[in-house]
C-alpha cells in the first residue's frame, strides 16, 4: 500500500479570504445546477424508473465495478457551442464522434424548467447512459446533445497547467471532493484519484473560462475556470424539494 504524504495544501488568499470561499458559480449555471439536482434527487418517476433503480442496485451487488456513468453536462452558450463544435483547433474542438447516439436529431432539445420533470429526468438518464457528456445551452436552459467529447488531458498538459506532479497534487489544487481527509486516509483504502473525464473538464474550463461543467454522481459539483466549486450532497437538493 502506498502511503500518502500530502504536500502542504496551496490555498490562494485574496483580501483575507481563501479562493475556494470567494469563487462563485455563474448565476445561470448555479440556477441550472440546483434545478437538475432537484429533479435527480427529488422527482419520483413511474414504475419503469423504480424497476431501473432496482436493476442498478442488483447489478452493483453482483457485478464487480458496476456503476452508472457520471452525469456530466457542458454548460455553454449557443454562440460558443457553434464556435467550438468541430473546430479545426484540436484544443478547442468539441465533437460527437458517434452521432447515432445523439438525441438532438431524434428527440430535439428540452427545457429543464418548462418541460415536465419526468421528461427532463428521462433525458438526463439517456445522457448518463452513454459515454461522453451532454450539452446544456445556458442561455436557453435547453439540453440538446449527448455523447459529446472534449479534448483529452495529457499528464504533461495537467502538470503544466496546474503546476502539479500527480493526482494528489491535483486533488489539493482544484479542491476535488474525496472520501477522507488526505492526512487521515485509511491505509487499507486505495489512494484517491481523478478520472480522465474530470481532468479533461478541468483543463478545458481553465482554457475556456466562458464555459462551465456540471457533474452529478457520488459527488455533485460545478467545474469553472479550472476549479471544482459548489460541492453539494444529495441531502442539499432534497432540502430544495
C-alpha atoms as a PDB file:
ATOM      1  CA  UNK A   1       0.000   0.000   0.000  1.00  0.00           C
ATOM      2  CA  UNK A   2       1.400   3.393  -0.982  1.00  0.00           C
ATOM      3  CA  UNK A   3       1.477   5.805   1.934  1.00  0.00           C
ATOM      4  CA  UNK A   4       0.073   9.199   1.038  1.00  0.00           C
ATOM      5  CA  UNK A   5       2.126  12.093   2.327  1.00  0.00           C
ATOM      6  CA  UNK A   6       0.358  15.194   1.066  1.00  0.00           C
ATOM      7  CA  UNK A   7       2.161  18.447   0.486  1.00  0.00           C
ATOM      8  CA  UNK A   8       1.012  21.476   2.376  1.00  0.00           C
ATOM      9  CA  UNK A   9      -2.236  22.493   0.663  1.00  0.00           C
ATOM     10  CA  UNK A  10      -1.749  25.529  -1.523  1.00  0.00           C
ATOM     11  CA  UNK A  11      -4.602  27.936  -0.912  1.00  0.00           C
ATOM     12  CA  UNK A  12      -4.648  31.283  -2.644  1.00  0.00           C
ATOM     13  CA  UNK A  13      -5.672  34.108  -0.332  1.00  0.00           C
ATOM     14  CA  UNK A  14      -7.214  37.327  -1.613  1.00  0.00           C
ATOM     15  CA  UNK A  15      -8.217  40.159   0.724  1.00  0.00           C
ATOM     16  CA  UNK A  16      -8.194  37.819   3.706  1.00  0.00           C
ATOM     17  CA  UNK A  17     -10.446  35.167   2.104  1.00  0.00           C
ATOM     18  CA  UNK A  18      -9.459  31.838   0.629  1.00  0.00           C
ATOM     19  CA  UNK A  19     -10.084  31.441  -3.095  1.00  0.00           C
ATOM     20  CA  UNK A  20     -12.404  28.466  -2.532  1.00  0.00           C
ATOM     21  CA  UNK A  21     -14.615  30.685  -0.380  1.00  0.00           C
ATOM     22  CA  UNK A  22     -14.922  33.543  -2.871  1.00  0.00           C
ATOM     23  CA  UNK A  23     -15.148  31.749  -6.227  1.00  0.00           C
ATOM     24  CA  UNK A  24     -18.827  31.683  -7.117  1.00  0.00           C
ATOM     25  CA  UNK A  25     -20.628  29.849  -9.931  1.00  0.00           C
ATOM     26  CA  UNK A  26     -22.042  31.834 -12.810  1.00  0.00           C
ATOM     27  CA  UNK A  27     -25.658  32.630 -11.780  1.00  0.00           C
ATOM     28  CA  UNK A  28     -27.176  30.836 -14.793  1.00  0.00           C
ATOM     29  CA  UNK A  29     -25.047  27.744 -14.145  1.00  0.00           C
ATOM     30  CA  UNK A  30     -25.970  27.738 -10.460  1.00  0.00           C
ATOM     31  CA  UNK A  31     -29.655  28.047 -11.340  1.00  0.00           C
ATOM     32  CA  UNK A  32     -29.386  25.066 -13.708  1.00  0.00           C
ATOM     33  CA  UNK A  33     -27.339  23.050 -11.189  1.00  0.00           C
ATOM     34  CA  UNK A  34     -29.982  23.444  -8.479  1.00  0.00           C
ATOM     35  CA  UNK A  35     -32.813  22.646 -10.878  1.00  0.00           C
ATOM     36  CA  UNK A  36     -31.154  19.481 -12.181  1.00  0.00           C
ATOM     37  CA  UNK A  37     -30.201  18.318  -8.688  1.00  0.00           C
ATOM     38  CA  UNK A  38     -33.783  18.822  -7.555  1.00  0.00           C
ATOM     39  CA  UNK A  39     -35.099  16.708 -10.442  1.00  0.00           C
ATOM     40  CA  UNK A  40     -32.495  13.962  -9.998  1.00  0.00           C
ATOM     41  CA  UNK A  41     -32.865  13.600  -6.245  1.00  0.00           C
ATOM     42  CA  UNK A  42     -36.470  14.641  -5.609  1.00  0.00           C
ATOM     43  CA  UNK A  43     -38.591  13.575  -8.552  1.00  0.00           C
ATOM     44  CA  UNK A  44     -40.044  10.079  -8.194  1.00  0.00           C
ATOM     45  CA  UNK A  45     -40.639   8.625 -11.617  1.00  0.00           C
ATOM     46  CA  UNK A  46     -43.153   5.979 -12.527  1.00  0.00           C
ATOM     47  CA  UNK A  47     -42.886   2.202 -12.400  1.00  0.00           C
ATOM     48  CA  UNK A  48     -40.174   1.974 -15.062  1.00  0.00           C
ATOM     49  CA  UNK A  49     -37.892   4.246 -13.010  1.00  0.00           C
ATOM     50  CA  UNK A  50     -38.326   2.107  -9.902  1.00  0.00           C
ATOM     51  CA  UNK A  51     -37.565  -1.023 -11.899  1.00  0.00           C
ATOM     52  CA  UNK A  52     -34.441   0.558 -13.328  1.00  0.00           C
ATOM     53  CA  UNK A  53     -33.259   1.583  -9.867  1.00  0.00           C
ATOM     54  CA  UNK A  54     -33.789  -1.988  -8.643  1.00  0.00           C
ATOM     55  CA  UNK A  55     -31.744  -3.375 -11.551  1.00  0.00           C
ATOM     56  CA  UNK A  56     -28.984  -0.879 -10.757  1.00  0.00           C
ATOM     57  CA  UNK A  57     -28.866  -1.987  -7.127  1.00  0.00           C
ATOM     58  CA  UNK A  58     -28.788  -5.669  -8.032  1.00  0.00           C
ATOM     59  CA  UNK A  59     -26.026  -5.090 -10.577  1.00  0.00           C
ATOM     60  CA  UNK A  60     -23.915  -3.175  -8.057  1.00  0.00           C
ATOM     61  CA  UNK A  61     -24.115  -6.172  -5.710  1.00  0.00           C
ATOM     62  CA  UNK A  62     -23.403  -8.867  -8.304  1.00  0.00           C
ATOM     63  CA  UNK A  63     -21.131  -7.238 -10.891  1.00  0.00           C
ATOM     64  CA  UNK A  64     -17.705  -6.104  -9.719  1.00  0.00           C
ATOM     65  CA  UNK A  65     -17.027  -2.471 -10.575  1.00  0.00           C
ATOM     66  CA  UNK A  66     -20.555  -1.813 -11.831  1.00  0.00           C
ATOM     67  CA  UNK A  67     -21.815   1.724 -11.596  1.00  0.00           C
ATOM     68  CA  UNK A  68     -23.662   4.124 -13.840  1.00  0.00           C
ATOM     69  CA  UNK A  69     -21.611   6.719 -15.626  1.00  0.00           C
ATOM     70  CA  UNK A  70     -21.202  10.107 -14.055  1.00  0.00           C
ATOM     71  CA  UNK A  71     -23.743  12.560 -15.436  1.00  0.00           C
ATOM     72  CA  UNK A  72     -21.700  15.378 -16.953  1.00  0.00           C
ATOM     73  CA  UNK A  73     -23.028  18.432 -18.776  1.00  0.00           C
ATOM     74  CA  UNK A  74     -21.154  21.119 -20.655  1.00  0.00           C
ATOM     75  CA  UNK A  75     -22.763  24.474 -19.818  1.00  0.00           C
ATOM     76  CA  UNK A  76     -22.199  26.767 -22.761  1.00  0.00           C
ATOM     77  CA  UNK A  77     -23.971  29.483 -24.745  1.00  0.00           C
ATOM     78  CA  UNK A  78     -25.120  28.721 -28.256  1.00  0.00           C
ATOM     79  CA  UNK A  79     -22.583  31.184 -29.653  1.00  0.00           C
ATOM     80  CA  UNK A  80     -19.621  29.366 -28.134  1.00  0.00           C
ATOM     81  CA  UNK A  81     -21.093  25.934 -28.859  1.00  0.00           C
ATOM     82  CA  UNK A  82     -21.314  26.812 -32.561  1.00  0.00           C
ATOM     83  CA  UNK A  83     -17.795  28.282 -32.398  1.00  0.00           C
ATOM     84  CA  UNK A  84     -16.153  25.224 -30.815  1.00  0.00           C
ATOM     85  CA  UNK A  85     -18.225  22.410 -32.312  1.00  0.00           C
ATOM     86  CA  UNK A  86     -15.982  20.567 -34.792  1.00  0.00           C
ATOM     87  CA  UNK A  87     -13.424  23.369 -34.595  1.00  0.00           C
ATOM     88  CA  UNK A  88     -10.221  22.841 -36.572  1.00  0.00           C
ATOM     89  CA  UNK A  89      -8.233  23.736 -33.457  1.00  0.00           C
ATOM     90  CA  UNK A  90      -7.996  20.438 -31.582  1.00  0.00           C
ATOM     91  CA  UNK A  91      -7.583  22.180 -28.212  1.00  0.00           C
ATOM     92  CA  UNK A  92     -10.917  23.971 -28.710  1.00  0.00           C
ATOM     93  CA  UNK A  93     -12.836  21.320 -30.620  1.00  0.00           C
ATOM     94  CA  UNK A  94     -15.847  19.637 -29.073  1.00  0.00           C
ATOM     95  CA  UNK A  95     -17.459  16.895 -31.119  1.00  0.00           C
ATOM     96  CA  UNK A  96     -19.790  13.906 -31.172  1.00  0.00           C
ATOM     97  CA  UNK A  97     -17.811  11.019 -32.695  1.00  0.00           C
ATOM     98  CA  UNK A  98     -20.746   8.577 -32.541  1.00  0.00           C
ATOM     99  CA  UNK A  99     -23.575  10.667 -33.953  1.00  0.00           C
ATOM    100  CA  UNK A 100     -26.004   7.728 -33.879  1.00  0.00           C
ATOM    101  CA  UNK A 101     -26.315   8.132 -30.084  1.00  0.00           C
ATOM    102  CA  UNK A 102     -27.052  11.858 -30.280  1.00  0.00           C
ATOM    103  CA  UNK A 103     -30.632  12.553 -29.250  1.00  0.00           C
ATOM    104  CA  UNK A 104     -30.652  16.060 -30.702  1.00  0.00           C
ATOM    105  CA  UNK A 105     -31.953  14.964 -34.123  1.00  0.00           C
ATOM    106  CA  UNK A 106     -34.062  12.086 -32.757  1.00  0.00           C
ATOM    107  CA  UNK A 107     -35.961  13.843 -29.977  1.00  0.00           C
ATOM    108  CA  UNK A 108     -34.999  17.507 -30.077  1.00  0.00           C
ATOM    109  CA  UNK A 109     -33.978  19.851 -27.247  1.00  0.00           C
ATOM    110  CA  UNK A 110     -35.812  20.001 -23.939  1.00  0.00           C
ATOM    111  CA  UNK A 111     -36.033  22.875 -21.476  1.00  0.00           C
ATOM    112  CA  UNK A 112     -35.124  21.967 -17.896  1.00  0.00           C
ATOM    113  CA  UNK A 113     -37.598  24.481 -16.454  1.00  0.00           C
ATOM    114  CA  UNK A 114     -40.525  24.379 -18.886  1.00  0.00           C
ATOM    115  CA  UNK A 115     -40.729  20.686 -19.814  1.00  0.00           C
ATOM    116  CA  UNK A 116     -42.275  18.093 -17.439  1.00  0.00           C
ATOM    117  CA  UNK A 117     -39.885  16.766 -14.807  1.00  0.00           C
ATOM    118  CA  UNK A 118     -40.304  13.153 -15.908  1.00  0.00           C
ATOM    119  CA  UNK A 119     -39.226  14.101 -19.452  1.00  0.00           C
ATOM    120  CA  UNK A 120     -36.211  16.017 -18.141  1.00  0.00           C
ATOM    121  CA  UNK A 121     -35.183  13.132 -15.899  1.00  0.00           C
ATOM    122  CA  UNK A 122     -35.553  10.674 -18.751  1.00  0.00           C
ATOM    123  CA  UNK A 123     -33.268  12.868 -20.869  1.00  0.00           C
ATOM    124  CA  UNK A 124     -30.713  13.067 -18.053  1.00  0.00           C
ATOM    125  CA  UNK A 125     -30.717   9.274 -17.768  1.00  0.00           C
ATOM    126  CA  UNK A 126     -30.092   8.967 -21.502  1.00  0.00           C
ATOM    127  CA  UNK A 127     -27.204  11.410 -21.297  1.00  0.00           C
ATOM    128  CA  UNK A 128     -25.735   9.435 -18.395  1.00  0.00           C
ATOM    129  CA  UNK A 129     -26.116   6.036 -20.080  1.00  0.00           C
ATOM    130  CA  UNK A 130     -23.671   6.871 -22.880  1.00  0.00           C
ATOM    131  CA  UNK A 131     -20.020   7.804 -22.808  1.00  0.00           C
ATOM    132  CA  UNK A 132     -19.230  11.458 -23.255  1.00  0.00           C
ATOM    133  CA  UNK A 133     -21.398  14.233 -21.853  1.00  0.00           C
ATOM    134  CA  UNK A 134     -24.488  16.261 -22.529  1.00  0.00           C
ATOM    135  CA  UNK A 135     -24.824  19.844 -23.713  1.00  0.00           C
ATOM    136  CA  UNK A 136     -26.792  22.404 -21.721  1.00  0.00           C
ATOM    137  CA  UNK A 137     -27.233  25.671 -23.609  1.00  0.00           C
ATOM    138  CA  UNK A 138     -27.117  28.032 -20.685  1.00  0.00           C
ATOM    139  CA  UNK A 139     -28.743  30.957 -22.488  1.00  0.00           C
ATOM    140  CA  UNK A 140     -31.924  28.929 -23.077  1.00  0.00           C
ATOM    141  CA  UNK A 141     -31.666  26.262 -20.314  1.00  0.00           C
ATOM    142  CA  UNK A 142     -32.054  23.590 -23.001  1.00  0.00           C
ATOM    143  CA  UNK A 143     -30.430  20.156 -23.013  1.00  0.00           C
ATOM    144  CA  UNK A 144     -29.616  19.487 -26.641  1.00  0.00           C
ATOM    145  CA  UNK A 145     -26.924  16.918 -27.479  1.00  0.00           C
ATOM    146  CA  UNK A 146     -25.377  13.933 -25.752  1.00  0.00           C
ATOM    147  CA  UNK A 147     -22.334  11.764 -26.406  1.00  0.00           C
ATOM    148  CA  UNK A 148     -20.179  14.899 -26.601  1.00  0.00           C
ATOM    149  CA  UNK A 149     -16.394  14.627 -26.217  1.00  0.00           C
ATOM    150  CA  UNK A 150     -13.901  17.328 -25.328  1.00  0.00           C
ATOM    151  CA  UNK A 151     -10.116  17.236 -25.857  1.00  0.00           C
ATOM    152  CA  UNK A 152      -8.363  14.736 -23.544  1.00  0.00           C
ATOM    153  CA  UNK A 153      -5.981  15.959 -20.863  1.00  0.00           C
ATOM    154  CA  UNK A 154      -2.475  14.539 -21.052  1.00  0.00           C
ATOM    155  CA  UNK A 155      -0.388  14.269 -17.893  1.00  0.00           C
ATOM    156  CA  UNK A 156       2.090  16.742 -19.346  1.00  0.00           C
ATOM    157  CA  UNK A 157      -0.659  19.279 -20.022  1.00  0.00           C
ATOM    158  CA  UNK A 158      -2.037  18.822 -16.490  1.00  0.00           C
ATOM    159  CA  UNK A 159       1.379  19.344 -14.936  1.00  0.00           C
ATOM    160  CA  UNK A 160       1.975  22.489 -16.964  1.00  0.00           C
ATOM    161  CA  UNK A 161      -1.497  23.952 -16.458  1.00  0.00           C
ATOM    162  CA  UNK A 162      -1.853  23.312 -12.731  1.00  0.00           C
ATOM    163  CA  UNK A 163       1.803  23.138 -11.664  1.00  0.00           C
ATOM    164  CA  UNK A 164       1.365  19.661 -10.176  1.00  0.00           C
ATOM    165  CA  UNK A 165       3.220  16.343 -10.230  1.00  0.00           C
ATOM    166  CA  UNK A 166       0.477  13.776  -9.588  1.00  0.00           C
ATOM    167  CA  UNK A 167      -3.202  13.211  -8.785  1.00  0.00           C
ATOM    168  CA  UNK A 168      -2.737  14.040  -5.102  1.00  0.00           C
ATOM    169  CA  UNK A 169      -1.341  17.450  -6.024  1.00  0.00           C
ATOM    170  CA  UNK A 170      -4.230  17.976  -8.448  1.00  0.00           C
ATOM    171  CA  UNK A 171      -6.827  16.981  -5.828  1.00  0.00           C
ATOM    172  CA  UNK A 172      -5.488  19.644  -3.468  1.00  0.00           C
ATOM    173  CA  UNK A 173      -5.039  22.245  -6.194  1.00  0.00           C
ATOM    174  CA  UNK A 174      -8.607  22.064  -7.574  1.00  0.00           C
ATOM    175  CA  UNK A 175     -10.441  21.103  -4.331  1.00  0.00           C
ATOM    176  CA  UNK A 176     -11.615  17.749  -5.695  1.00  0.00           C
ATOM    177  CA  UNK A 177     -14.041  16.057  -3.229  1.00  0.00           C
ATOM    178  CA  UNK A 178     -12.716  12.855  -1.611  1.00  0.00           C
ATOM    179  CA  UNK A 179     -13.991  10.399   0.987  1.00  0.00           C
ATOM    180  CA  UNK A 180     -11.463  11.156   3.737  1.00  0.00           C
ATOM    181  CA  UNK A 181      -9.014  13.961   4.574  1.00  0.00           C
ATOM    182  CA  UNK A 182      -5.688  13.204   2.914  1.00  0.00           C
ATOM    183  CA  UNK A 183      -3.789  13.339   6.205  1.00  0.00           C
ATOM    184  CA  UNK A 184      -6.184  10.763   7.700  1.00  0.00           C
ATOM    185  CA  UNK A 185      -6.520   8.479   4.691  1.00  0.00           C
ATOM    186  CA  UNK A 186      -7.051   4.817   5.752  1.00  0.00           C
ATOM    187  CA  UNK A 187      -4.109   2.564   4.922  1.00  0.00           C
ATOM    188  CA  UNK A 188      -6.402  -0.189   3.652  1.00  0.00           C
ATOM    189  CA  UNK A 189      -8.123   2.108   1.105  1.00  0.00           C
ATOM    190  CA  UNK A 190      -6.668   2.825  -2.329  1.00  0.00           C
ATOM    191  CA  UNK A 191      -5.283   6.349  -2.773  1.00  0.00           C
ATOM    192  CA  UNK A 192      -7.735   8.845  -4.300  1.00  0.00           C
ATOM    193  CA  UNK A 193      -7.551   9.642  -7.993  1.00  0.00           C
ATOM    194  CA  UNK A 194      -9.329  11.844 -10.519  1.00  0.00           C
ATOM    195  CA  UNK A 195     -10.959  10.307 -13.584  1.00  0.00           C
ATOM    196  CA  UNK A 196      -9.869  11.168 -17.101  1.00  0.00           C
ATOM    197  CA  UNK A 197     -13.159  12.899 -17.945  1.00  0.00           C
ATOM    198  CA  UNK A 198     -12.892  15.181 -14.919  1.00  0.00           C
ATOM    199  CA  UNK A 199      -9.294  16.013 -15.809  1.00  0.00           C
ATOM    200  CA  UNK A 200     -10.384  16.932 -19.337  1.00  0.00           C
ATOM    201  CA  UNK A 201     -13.144  19.160 -17.954  1.00  0.00           C
ATOM    202  CA  UNK A 202     -10.698  20.902 -15.623  1.00  0.00           C
ATOM    203  CA  UNK A 203      -8.261  21.604 -18.450  1.00  0.00           C
ATOM    204  CA  UNK A 204     -10.970  22.746 -20.863  1.00  0.00           C
ATOM    205  CA  UNK A 205     -12.601  25.081 -18.332  1.00  0.00           C
ATOM    206  CA  UNK A 206      -9.211  26.547 -17.487  1.00  0.00           C
ATOM    207  CA  UNK A 207      -8.549  27.306 -21.148  1.00  0.00           C
ATOM    208  CA  UNK A 208     -12.157  28.439 -21.746  1.00  0.00           C
ATOM    209  CA  UNK A 209     -13.445  30.322 -18.661  1.00  0.00           C
ATOM    210  CA  UNK A 210     -16.600  31.192 -20.620  1.00  0.00           C
ATOM    211  CA  UNK A 211     -17.869  27.607 -20.143  1.00  0.00           C
ATOM    212  CA  UNK A 212     -18.644  25.524 -17.062  1.00  0.00           C
ATOM    213  CA  UNK A 213     -19.368  21.873 -16.357  1.00  0.00           C
ATOM    214  CA  UNK A 214     -21.935  20.270 -14.074  1.00  0.00           C
ATOM    215  CA  UNK A 215     -21.222  16.834 -12.633  1.00  0.00           C
ATOM    216  CA  UNK A 216     -23.584  14.506 -10.756  1.00  0.00           C
ATOM    217  CA  UNK A 217     -22.654  11.124  -9.319  1.00  0.00           C
ATOM    218  CA  UNK A 218     -21.228  10.194  -5.950  1.00  0.00           C
ATOM    219  CA  UNK A 219     -20.225  13.834  -5.686  1.00  0.00           C
ATOM    220  CA  UNK A 220     -22.102  16.790  -7.148  1.00  0.00           C
ATOM    221  CA  UNK A 221     -20.262  19.936  -8.173  1.00  0.00           C
ATOM    222  CA  UNK A 222     -19.559  22.618 -10.764  1.00  0.00           C
ATOM    223  CA  UNK A 223     -16.265  22.964 -12.638  1.00  0.00           C
ATOM    224  CA  UNK A 224     -15.443  26.523 -13.551  1.00  0.00           C
ATOM    225  CA  UNK A 225     -12.143  28.083 -14.658  1.00  0.00           C
ATOM    226  CA  UNK A 226     -10.118  25.056 -13.527  1.00  0.00           C
ATOM    227  CA  UNK A 227     -11.708  24.880 -10.063  1.00  0.00           C
ATOM    228  CA  UNK A 228     -14.211  22.457  -8.520  1.00  0.00           C
ATOM    229  CA  UNK A 229     -16.748  24.596  -6.686  1.00  0.00           C
ATOM    230  CA  UNK A 230     -20.216  24.454  -5.157  1.00  0.00           C
ATOM    231  CA  UNK A 231     -19.842  20.864  -3.921  1.00  0.00           C
ATOM    232  CA  UNK A 232     -23.210  19.576  -2.700  1.00  0.00           C
ATOM    233  CA  UNK A 233     -24.541  16.366  -1.194  1.00  0.00           C
ATOM    234  CA  UNK A 234     -27.832  14.732  -2.247  1.00  0.00           C
ATOM    235  CA  UNK A 235     -29.337  15.988   1.026  1.00  0.00           C
ATOM    236  CA  UNK A 236     -28.782  19.570  -0.120  1.00  0.00           C
ATOM    237  CA  UNK A 237     -31.022  19.026  -3.135  1.00  0.00           C
ATOM    238  CA  UNK A 238     -33.635  17.137  -1.127  1.00  0.00           C
ATOM    239  CA  UNK A 239     -33.979  20.232   1.050  1.00  0.00           C
ATOM    240  CA  UNK A 240     -34.924  22.180  -2.087  1.00  0.00           C
ATOM    241  CA  UNK A 241     -37.872  19.876  -2.799  1.00  0.00           C
END
